Amino acid sequence: MTTTLPTFTPLENSLWLTLCARALDHRSPRPILGDAAADRIVRTLDYDYRRLNIDANLRVSVALRARKLDQVAAEFLARHPDAVGLDLGAGLDTRLARLDAAATVDWYDVDFPAVAAAREQLTPARPNGHVIGADVRDAGWLDAVPTDRPAVIVADGLMGFLTRDEMMTLWNRLVNHFPEGELVFNSYSRSALWLARHAPGTRSVADLIAFPGMDDPREPESWNPRLHLVKEILLSREPEVAEFPPFWRWYHRLAARSTAWSRKGTIVLRYRF
């Protein structure tokens, strides 16, 4: 059976970069994330990932940041089995399947309507999984999400495509919607975004980058008084670096000696509200 996808806009097409990176991680001899579902989707669609020029560093960085986002979400859901989970700009990610959350958790994958339609064809349905086809910058989609339960909100790759004002508005809307929760996303410093605009592996999304970069992880605390930084996770300092290919293992271990240098790479920020 042939799967026919909707026509994606350039912004919607950005989902292929992270999806294919996770698929390539699964195919590698020493996977970091081991996302078999991503590999299955790429093989099902026979997508030519070579056009994206994903190098080893991008592959392991995308896989490791997804693993860290999963870990934060899993820890939260273990403490709050009645929680709501949101994955913003979810693309074709199957995070809920990786988390295997309890049936008492309601999980919402949010992305543009065309991407939501593709999800319906390509990702396995789960009783506690819900798909919302909407632009996260719009206000109305959040009306479908309960307001009386704790929430864990995950965003993988989304931040780079929003302006600072859009990011502030979205975070405030989310924080004010729930009684308590955690927000975890991968952030970009200004130098990291400069590299993203010039590196071959991220050139496919370079023209879509809207965020100017954030060098101070405490900046969002000024956006909403309820937001408090729990942890800045610098991936160069995480133990999984030991599983990286030799050159990139050496590079990240060297980068780990400097916070400023580590911030040139992938950062995951975790906040509580």
Protein backbone atom coordinates (compact mmCIF):
# COMPACT_ATOMS: atom_id res chain seq x y z
CA MET A 1 0.00 0.00 0.00
CA THR A 2 1.42 3.38 -1.06
CA THR A 3 1.40 6.21 1.46
CA THR A 4 0.62 9.58 -0.09
CA LEU A 5 1.58 12.53 2.04
CA PRO A 6 0.07 16.00 1.87
CA THR A 7 2.16 18.70 0.21
CA PHE A 8 4.31 20.23 2.92
CA THR A 9 5.43 23.84 3.21
CA PRO A 10 9.17 24.47 3.71
CA LEU A 11 8.58 24.85 7.45
CA GLU A 12 6.64 21.58 7.62
CA ASN A 13 9.37 19.88 5.59
CA SER A 14 11.84 20.65 8.38
CA LEU A 15 10.51 17.57 10.19
CA TRP A 16 12.59 15.37 7.88
CA LEU A 17 15.87 16.59 9.36
CA THR A 18 15.20 15.28 12.87
CA LEU A 19 13.24 12.25 11.68
CA CYS A 20 16.04 11.10 9.39
CA ALA A 21 18.70 11.82 12.00
CA ARG A 22 16.86 9.57 14.45
CA ALA A 23 16.47 6.91 11.75
CA LEU A 24 20.20 7.02 10.98
CA ASP A 25 20.97 6.76 14.68
CA HIS A 26 18.88 3.59 14.83
CA ARG A 27 20.87 2.14 11.91
CA SER A 28 24.25 2.96 13.47
CA PRO A 29 26.34 0.30 15.26
CA ARG A 30 25.95 2.13 18.61
CA PRO A 31 22.57 3.89 18.69
CA ILE A 32 22.04 6.69 21.22
CA LEU A 33 18.23 6.76 21.05
CA GLY A 34 17.43 3.59 19.12
CA ASP A 35 14.22 4.93 17.58
CA ALA A 36 13.01 1.99 15.47
CA ALA A 37 9.78 3.82 14.60
CA ALA A 38 11.68 6.68 12.94
CA ASP A 39 13.64 4.18 10.85
CA ARG A 40 10.44 2.37 9.86
CA ILE A 41 8.75 5.59 8.72
CA VAL A 42 11.76 6.66 6.63
CA ARG A 43 11.97 3.21 5.02
CA THR A 44 8.21 3.09 4.43
CA LEU A 45 8.34 6.39 2.55
CA ASP A 46 11.66 5.57 0.87
CA TYR A 47 12.79 9.08 1.73
CA ASP A 48 16.18 10.05 0.31
CA TYR A 49 17.86 11.23 3.50
CA ARG A 50 21.14 11.81 1.65
CA ARG A 51 19.84 15.14 0.35
CA LEU A 52 19.98 16.46 3.93
CA ASN A 53 23.74 15.92 4.38
CA ILE A 54 23.34 14.67 7.95
CA ASP A 55 26.82 14.13 9.38
CA ALA A 56 27.77 12.02 12.39
CA ASN A 57 27.72 14.94 14.82
CA LEU A 58 24.22 16.05 13.82
CA ARG A 59 23.00 12.45 13.97
CA VAL A 60 24.22 11.82 17.51
CA SER A 61 23.25 15.31 18.74
CA VAL A 62 19.65 14.96 17.52
CA ALA A 63 19.42 11.48 19.03
CA LEU A 64 20.90 12.55 22.37
CA ARG A 65 18.71 15.62 22.76
CA ALA A 66 15.64 13.45 22.07
CA ARG A 67 16.86 11.00 24.71
CA LYS A 68 17.23 13.79 27.28
CA LEU A 69 13.78 15.19 26.47
CA ASP A 70 12.37 11.68 26.88
CA GLN A 71 14.10 11.28 30.24
CA VAL A 72 12.65 14.51 31.61
CA ALA A 73 9.16 13.61 30.38
CA ALA A 74 9.43 10.06 31.79
CA GLU A 75 10.51 11.35 35.20
CA PHE A 76 7.60 13.77 35.30
CA LEU A 77 5.04 11.17 34.25
CA ALA A 78 6.36 8.74 36.87
CA ARG A 79 5.61 11.38 39.53
CA HIS A 80 2.30 12.44 37.97
CA PRO A 81 0.54 9.43 36.41
CA ASP A 82 -2.57 11.58 35.85
CA ALA A 83 -0.67 14.20 33.87
CA VAL A 84 -1.15 15.75 30.47
CA GLY A 85 1.74 15.59 28.02
CA LEU A 86 2.26 17.93 25.07
CA ASP A 87 4.74 17.56 22.25
CA LEU A 88 4.89 20.87 20.37
CA GLY A 89 5.92 20.77 16.73
CA ALA A 90 5.88 16.99 17.04
CA GLY A 91 6.44 16.23 13.36
CA LEU A 92 6.46 12.46 12.91
CA ASP A 93 8.08 11.77 16.27
CA THR A 94 6.60 8.86 18.25
CA ARG A 95 7.68 10.02 21.68
CA LEU A 96 4.61 8.61 23.42
CA ALA A 97 5.48 5.12 22.17
CA ARG A 98 9.05 5.51 23.46
CA LEU A 99 7.75 6.68 26.84
CA ASP A 100 5.09 3.96 27.01
CA ALA A 101 3.15 6.24 29.36
CA ALA A 102 0.42 4.91 31.64
CA ALA A 103 -3.12 4.81 30.25
CA THR A 104 -4.06 7.53 32.75
CA VAL A 105 -1.82 10.02 30.91
CA ASP A 106 -3.33 12.03 28.04
CA TRP A 107 -0.70 12.90 25.44
CA TYR A 108 -1.18 15.54 22.73
CA ASP A 109 1.02 15.78 19.63
CA VAL A 110 0.63 19.23 18.11
CA ASP A 111 1.72 20.25 14.62
CA PHE A 112 0.39 21.88 11.46
CA PRO A 113 -2.76 20.24 10.00
CA ALA A 114 -0.85 18.71 7.05
CA VAL A 115 1.67 17.14 9.43
CA ALA A 116 -1.13 15.95 11.72
CA ALA A 117 -2.73 14.23 8.71
CA ALA A 118 0.57 12.51 7.93
CA ARG A 119 0.83 11.36 11.54
CA GLU A 120 -2.55 9.67 11.24
CA GLN A 121 -1.17 7.55 8.38
CA LEU A 122 2.32 6.81 9.64
CA THR A 123 2.39 6.65 13.42
CA PRO A 124 0.68 3.97 15.52
CA ALA A 125 -2.47 5.05 17.32
CA ARG A 126 -2.52 4.74 21.10
CA PRO A 127 -5.63 4.96 23.31
CA ASN A 128 -4.22 7.86 25.32
CA GLY A 129 -2.66 9.65 22.33
CA HIS A 130 -4.30 12.65 20.67
CA VAL A 131 -3.26 14.64 17.61
CA ILE A 132 -4.02 18.35 17.25
CA GLY A 133 -3.58 19.86 13.81
CA ALA A 134 -2.76 23.50 14.46
CA ASP A 135 -0.08 26.14 14.33
CA VAL A 136 1.27 26.31 17.89
CA ARG A 137 1.36 30.10 17.54
CA ASP A 138 -2.43 30.20 17.35
CA ALA A 139 -4.39 30.50 20.59
CA GLY A 140 -7.41 28.30 19.91
CA TRP A 141 -5.83 24.83 19.81
CA LEU A 142 -5.11 24.85 23.55
CA ASP A 143 -8.86 24.88 24.28
CA ALA A 144 -8.93 21.12 23.55
CA VAL A 145 -6.41 20.40 26.32
CA PRO A 146 -7.49 19.92 29.98
CA THR A 147 -6.69 22.77 32.36
CA ASP A 148 -6.97 20.96 35.70
CA ARG A 149 -4.04 18.52 35.54
CA PRO A 150 -0.25 18.84 35.78
CA ALA A 151 1.50 18.95 32.43
CA VAL A 152 4.86 18.16 30.90
CA ILE A 153 5.49 20.15 27.73
CA VAL A 154 8.17 19.04 25.28
CA ALA A 155 9.47 20.89 22.23
CA ASP A 156 12.20 19.32 20.08
CA GLY A 157 13.58 21.66 17.44
CA LEU A 158 10.70 24.14 17.65
CA MET A 159 12.48 27.07 19.25
CA GLY A 160 14.60 27.94 16.24
CA PHE A 161 11.53 28.56 14.07
CA LEU A 162 9.80 31.06 16.39
CA THR A 163 10.59 34.71 16.96
CA ARG A 164 11.36 35.78 20.51
CA ASP A 165 7.92 37.41 20.85
CA GLU A 166 6.21 34.25 19.55
CA MET A 167 8.17 32.13 21.99
CA MET A 168 7.31 34.38 24.94
CA THR A 169 3.62 34.43 24.01
CA LEU A 170 3.50 30.65 23.62
CA TRP A 171 5.29 29.91 26.89
CA ASN A 172 3.04 32.33 28.79
CA ARG A 173 -0.09 30.82 27.29
CA LEU A 174 1.03 27.31 28.25
CA VAL A 175 2.18 28.18 31.77
CA ASN A 176 -1.06 29.99 32.50
CA HIS A 177 -3.15 27.08 31.15
CA PHE A 178 -2.04 24.49 33.72
CA PRO A 179 -1.94 24.42 37.53
CA GLU A 180 1.67 23.11 37.52
CA GLY A 181 4.13 21.36 35.31
CA GLU A 182 7.47 21.29 33.54
CA LEU A 183 8.63 22.69 30.24
CA VAL A 184 11.61 21.13 28.46
CA PHE A 185 13.02 22.04 25.08
CA ASN A 186 16.27 22.26 23.16
CA SER A 187 17.59 25.79 23.11
CA TYR A 188 19.99 27.60 20.80
CA SER A 189 22.63 30.13 21.75
CA ARG A 190 23.48 32.85 19.25
CA SER A 191 26.66 31.07 18.23
CA ALA A 192 24.79 27.76 17.82
CA LEU A 193 22.33 29.44 15.44
CA TRP A 194 25.20 30.96 13.48
CA LEU A 195 26.63 27.47 13.04
CA ALA A 196 23.21 26.10 12.09
CA ARG A 197 22.94 28.67 9.30
CA HIS A 198 26.31 27.67 7.85
CA ALA A 199 26.76 23.94 8.53
CA PRO A 200 25.95 21.62 5.59
CA GLY A 201 23.74 19.36 7.74
CA THR A 202 21.38 22.15 8.77
CA ARG A 203 21.47 24.18 5.56
CA SER A 204 18.04 22.81 4.60
CA VAL A 205 16.45 24.78 7.47
CA ALA A 206 18.78 27.79 7.54
CA ASP A 207 16.34 30.16 5.84
CA LEU A 208 13.59 29.18 8.30
CA ILE A 209 15.44 30.15 11.47
CA ALA A 210 13.59 33.01 13.16
CA PHE A 211 14.91 32.97 16.73
CA PRO A 212 17.86 35.31 17.43
CA GLY A 213 19.40 32.96 20.01
CA MET A 214 19.44 32.87 23.81
CA ASP A 215 22.73 32.84 25.72
CA ASP A 216 21.28 33.08 29.25
CA PRO A 217 19.18 30.05 30.25
CA ARG A 218 17.51 32.11 32.97
CA GLU A 219 16.05 34.58 30.48
CA PRO A 220 12.64 32.80 30.30
CA GLU A 221 12.25 33.36 34.05
CA SER A 222 11.68 37.02 33.16
CA TRP A 223 8.94 36.05 30.71
CA ASN A 224 6.66 34.60 33.39
CA PRO A 225 7.10 34.75 37.19
CA ARG A 226 6.01 31.11 37.50
CA LEU A 227 8.86 29.79 35.34
CA HIS A 228 11.94 28.57 37.20
CA LEU A 229 15.00 26.98 35.64
CA VAL A 230 15.57 23.48 36.98
CA LYS A 231 18.56 22.46 34.90
CA GLU A 232 20.60 23.44 31.88
CA ILE A 233 21.63 20.17 30.23
CA LEU A 234 24.76 20.66 28.14
CA LEU A 235 24.94 17.59 25.94
CA SER A 236 28.74 17.69 25.75
CA ARG A 237 28.74 16.85 29.48
CA GLU A 238 26.28 13.95 29.33
CA PRO A 239 27.54 10.36 29.84
CA GLU A 240 26.16 9.18 26.47
CA VAL A 241 28.98 11.09 24.77
CA ALA A 242 31.02 7.94 25.47
CA GLU A 243 28.93 6.25 22.74
CA PHE A 244 29.74 8.91 20.09
CA PRO A 245 32.03 8.14 17.14
CA PRO A 246 35.72 8.60 18.12
CA PHE A 247 36.33 12.09 16.71
CA TRP A 248 33.08 13.52 18.06
CA ARG A 249 33.62 11.82 21.41
CA TRP A 250 36.99 13.58 21.66
CA TYR A 251 35.51 16.90 20.49
CA HIS A 252 32.63 16.91 22.99
CA ARG A 253 34.84 15.85 25.88
CA LEU A 254 37.07 18.80 25.08
CA ALA A 255 34.09 21.13 24.73
CA ALA A 256 32.74 19.93 28.08
CA ARG A 257 35.57 21.73 29.86
CA SER A 258 34.03 25.09 28.96
CA THR A 259 30.42 26.13 29.52
CA ALA A 260 30.68 28.75 26.77
CA TRP A 261 32.03 26.18 24.32
CA SER A 262 29.41 23.62 25.32
CA ARG A 263 26.70 26.19 24.64
CA LYS A 264 27.83 26.35 21.01
CA GLY A 265 26.35 22.88 20.69
CA THR A 266 23.07 21.34 21.78
CA ILE A 267 21.43 22.49 25.02
CA VAL A 268 18.31 21.15 26.68
CA LEU A 269 16.60 23.48 29.16
CA ARG A 270 14.23 22.25 31.85
CA TYR A 271 11.87 24.59 33.70
CA ARG A 272 9.27 24.09 36.41
CA PHE A 273 6.13 26.17 36.89
